Amino acid sequence: MPKMKTKSSVKKRFKVTSTGKVKVAAAGKQHGMIKRSNKFLRNARGTMVLSEPDARVIKKFMPYAGK
């Protein structure tokens, strides 16, 4: 059997931790910071862990990622 392909857009945006959780960067931080509130910018800093139902969808596109 040939290898399954990983979705290119998914491998650029998501990382799977060693425990099998999916990490993702905060949304809404690419441009237009001037119109966003300081509270939004603070809360959108760093990375977040996706909820389990969302992570299940992402893992379907990453056949060889973690657990």
N, C-alpha and C. Protein backbone atom coordinates (compact mmCIF):
# COMPACT_ATOMS: atom_id res chain seq x y z
N MET A 1 0.84 -1.19 0.00
CA MET A 1 0.00 0.00 0.00
C MET A 1 0.88 1.25 0.00
N PRO A 2 0.49 2.26 -0.78
CA PRO A 2 1.23 3.52 -0.71
C PRO A 2 0.96 4.26 0.59
N LYS A 3 1.87 5.16 0.91
CA LYS A 3 1.69 5.96 2.12
C LYS A 3 0.52 6.92 1.93
N MET A 4 -0.17 7.21 3.06
CA MET A 4 -1.23 8.21 3.03
C MET A 4 -0.59 9.59 3.10
N LYS A 5 -1.19 10.55 2.43
CA LYS A 5 -0.64 11.90 2.43
C LYS A 5 -1.24 12.73 3.56
N THR A 6 -0.39 13.57 4.16
CA THR A 6 -0.83 14.54 5.16
C THR A 6 -1.30 15.78 4.42
N LYS A 7 -2.42 16.35 4.87
CA LYS A 7 -2.93 17.57 4.26
C LYS A 7 -1.95 18.71 4.51
N SER A 8 -1.48 19.37 3.44
CA SER A 8 -0.43 20.39 3.58
C SER A 8 -0.87 21.55 4.45
N SER A 9 -2.12 21.97 4.30
CA SER A 9 -2.60 23.12 5.09
C SER A 9 -2.64 22.78 6.57
N VAL A 10 -2.89 21.53 6.90
CA VAL A 10 -2.98 21.12 8.31
C VAL A 10 -1.59 21.05 8.94
N LYS A 11 -0.62 20.55 8.21
CA LYS A 11 0.71 20.44 8.81
C LYS A 11 1.36 21.80 9.03
N LYS A 12 0.91 22.82 8.29
CA LYS A 12 1.42 24.17 8.50
C LYS A 12 0.80 24.84 9.72
N ARG A 13 -0.43 24.48 10.06
CA ARG A 13 -1.18 25.22 11.08
C ARG A 13 -1.28 24.54 12.43
N PHE A 14 -1.07 23.24 12.49
CA PHE A 14 -1.31 22.49 13.72
C PHE A 14 -0.10 21.64 14.09
N LYS A 15 0.07 21.42 15.40
CA LYS A 15 1.08 20.49 15.90
C LYS A 15 0.38 19.54 16.86
N VAL A 16 0.83 18.28 16.88
CA VAL A 16 0.27 17.30 17.81
C VAL A 16 1.28 17.07 18.91
N THR A 17 0.83 17.17 20.16
CA THR A 17 1.72 16.97 21.31
C THR A 17 1.97 15.49 21.51
N SER A 18 2.88 15.16 22.41
CA SER A 18 3.21 13.76 22.66
C SER A 18 2.05 13.01 23.30
N THR A 19 1.14 13.73 23.96
CA THR A 19 -0.03 13.06 24.56
C THR A 19 -1.19 12.98 23.58
N GLY A 20 -1.01 13.51 22.36
CA GLY A 20 -2.05 13.39 21.35
C GLY A 20 -2.98 14.57 21.24
N LYS A 21 -2.71 15.64 21.99
CA LYS A 21 -3.54 16.84 21.88
C LYS A 21 -3.07 17.68 20.71
N VAL A 22 -3.96 18.52 20.18
CA VAL A 22 -3.63 19.34 19.02
C VAL A 22 -3.45 20.79 19.45
N LYS A 23 -2.26 21.35 19.15
CA LYS A 23 -1.97 22.75 19.48
C LYS A 23 -2.19 23.60 18.24
N VAL A 24 -2.70 24.82 18.46
CA VAL A 24 -2.94 25.73 17.35
C VAL A 24 -2.68 27.16 17.83
N ALA A 25 -2.23 28.01 16.90
CA ALA A 25 -2.00 29.42 17.23
C ALA A 25 -3.34 30.14 17.32
N ALA A 26 -3.36 31.25 18.01
CA ALA A 26 -4.59 32.03 18.18
C ALA A 26 -5.03 32.61 16.84
N ALA A 27 -6.34 32.67 16.63
CA ALA A 27 -6.89 33.23 15.41
C ALA A 27 -7.03 34.74 15.54
N GLY A 28 -7.01 35.42 14.40
CA GLY A 28 -7.25 36.86 14.39
C GLY A 28 -6.04 37.71 14.71
N LYS A 29 -4.82 37.17 14.51
CA LYS A 29 -3.62 37.92 14.84
C LYS A 29 -2.74 38.21 13.63
N GLN A 30 -3.24 38.06 12.42
CA GLN A 30 -2.40 38.25 11.24
C GLN A 30 -2.27 39.72 10.86
N HIS A 31 -3.33 40.47 10.95
CA HIS A 31 -3.28 41.88 10.58
C HIS A 31 -4.43 42.61 11.26
N GLY A 32 -4.42 43.94 11.20
CA GLY A 32 -5.51 44.73 11.75
C GLY A 32 -5.52 44.81 13.27
N MET A 33 -4.33 44.82 13.89
CA MET A 33 -4.26 44.86 15.36
C MET A 33 -4.80 46.18 15.91
N ILE A 34 -4.73 47.23 15.11
CA ILE A 34 -5.10 48.57 15.60
C ILE A 34 -6.57 48.62 15.99
N LYS A 35 -7.39 47.85 15.31
CA LYS A 35 -8.84 47.89 15.59
C LYS A 35 -9.26 46.89 16.65
N ARG A 36 -8.36 46.04 17.07
CA ARG A 36 -8.69 45.03 18.09
C ARG A 36 -8.45 45.62 19.49
N SER A 37 -9.20 45.14 20.45
CA SER A 37 -9.03 45.64 21.81
C SER A 37 -7.78 45.02 22.44
N ASN A 38 -7.24 45.70 23.42
CA ASN A 38 -6.06 45.18 24.11
C ASN A 38 -6.36 43.87 24.80
N LYS A 39 -7.57 43.71 25.29
CA LYS A 39 -7.97 42.47 25.94
C LYS A 39 -7.94 41.31 24.96
N PHE A 40 -8.44 41.54 23.75
CA PHE A 40 -8.41 40.49 22.72
C PHE A 40 -6.98 40.09 22.40
N LEU A 41 -6.11 41.08 22.21
CA LEU A 41 -4.73 40.79 21.86
C LEU A 41 -4.01 40.02 22.96
N ARG A 42 -4.27 40.37 24.21
CA ARG A 42 -3.68 39.65 25.34
C ARG A 42 -4.14 38.21 25.36
N ASN A 43 -5.45 38.01 25.19
CA ASN A 43 -6.01 36.66 25.28
C ASN A 43 -5.63 35.79 24.10
N ALA A 44 -5.29 36.40 22.96
CA ALA A 44 -4.97 35.64 21.76
C ALA A 44 -3.47 35.39 21.62
N ARG A 45 -2.72 35.61 22.68
CA ARG A 45 -1.28 35.41 22.64
C ARG A 45 -0.94 33.92 22.73
N GLY A 46 0.11 33.50 22.07
CA GLY A 46 0.60 32.14 22.22
C GLY A 46 -0.24 31.10 21.49
N THR A 47 -0.23 29.89 22.03
CA THR A 47 -0.94 28.77 21.41
C THR A 47 -2.04 28.26 22.34
N MET A 48 -2.97 27.51 21.76
CA MET A 48 -4.07 26.93 22.50
C MET A 48 -4.20 25.46 22.15
N VAL A 49 -4.88 24.71 22.99
CA VAL A 49 -5.16 23.30 22.72
C VAL A 49 -6.59 23.20 22.24
N LEU A 50 -6.77 22.50 21.12
CA LEU A 50 -8.12 22.35 20.56
C LEU A 50 -8.96 21.42 21.42
N SER A 51 -10.26 21.62 21.37
CA SER A 51 -11.16 20.71 22.07
C SER A 51 -11.14 19.35 21.37
N GLU A 52 -11.55 18.33 22.07
CA GLU A 52 -11.45 16.96 21.55
C GLU A 52 -12.23 16.75 20.24
N PRO A 53 -13.47 17.26 20.09
CA PRO A 53 -14.16 17.07 18.81
C PRO A 53 -13.46 17.76 17.64
N ASP A 54 -12.89 18.95 17.89
CA ASP A 54 -12.16 19.64 16.84
C ASP A 54 -10.86 18.91 16.51
N ALA A 55 -10.20 18.41 17.54
CA ALA A 55 -8.94 17.70 17.34
C ALA A 55 -9.15 16.43 16.52
N ARG A 56 -10.28 15.78 16.73
CA ARG A 56 -10.57 14.55 15.98
C ARG A 56 -10.63 14.81 14.48
N VAL A 57 -11.20 15.96 14.11
CA VAL A 57 -11.29 16.32 12.69
C VAL A 57 -9.90 16.58 12.12
N ILE A 58 -9.07 17.29 12.86
CA ILE A 58 -7.72 17.61 12.39
C ILE A 58 -6.88 16.37 12.24
N LYS A 59 -6.99 15.44 13.16
CA LYS A 59 -6.18 14.22 13.12
C LYS A 59 -6.51 13.34 11.93
N LYS A 60 -7.69 13.48 11.37
CA LYS A 60 -8.02 12.72 10.16
C LYS A 60 -7.15 13.12 8.98
N PHE A 61 -6.71 14.38 8.99
CA PHE A 61 -5.85 14.88 7.91
C PHE A 61 -4.38 14.65 8.18
N MET A 62 -4.05 14.14 9.39
CA MET A 62 -2.65 13.86 9.75
C MET A 62 -2.53 12.40 10.14
N PRO A 63 -2.46 11.50 9.19
CA PRO A 63 -2.51 10.07 9.50
C PRO A 63 -1.34 9.56 10.33
N TYR A 64 -0.19 10.23 10.29
CA TYR A 64 0.98 9.71 11.01
C TYR A 64 1.36 10.54 12.22
N ALA A 65 0.46 11.38 12.69
CA ALA A 65 0.77 12.25 13.82
C ALA A 65 0.37 11.60 15.14
N GLY A 66 1.34 11.39 16.00
CA GLY A 66 1.12 10.96 17.38
C GLY A 66 0.08 9.86 17.58
N LYS A 67 -0.57 9.91 18.73
CA LYS A 67 -1.54 8.89 19.11
C LYS A 67 -2.85 9.08 18.41
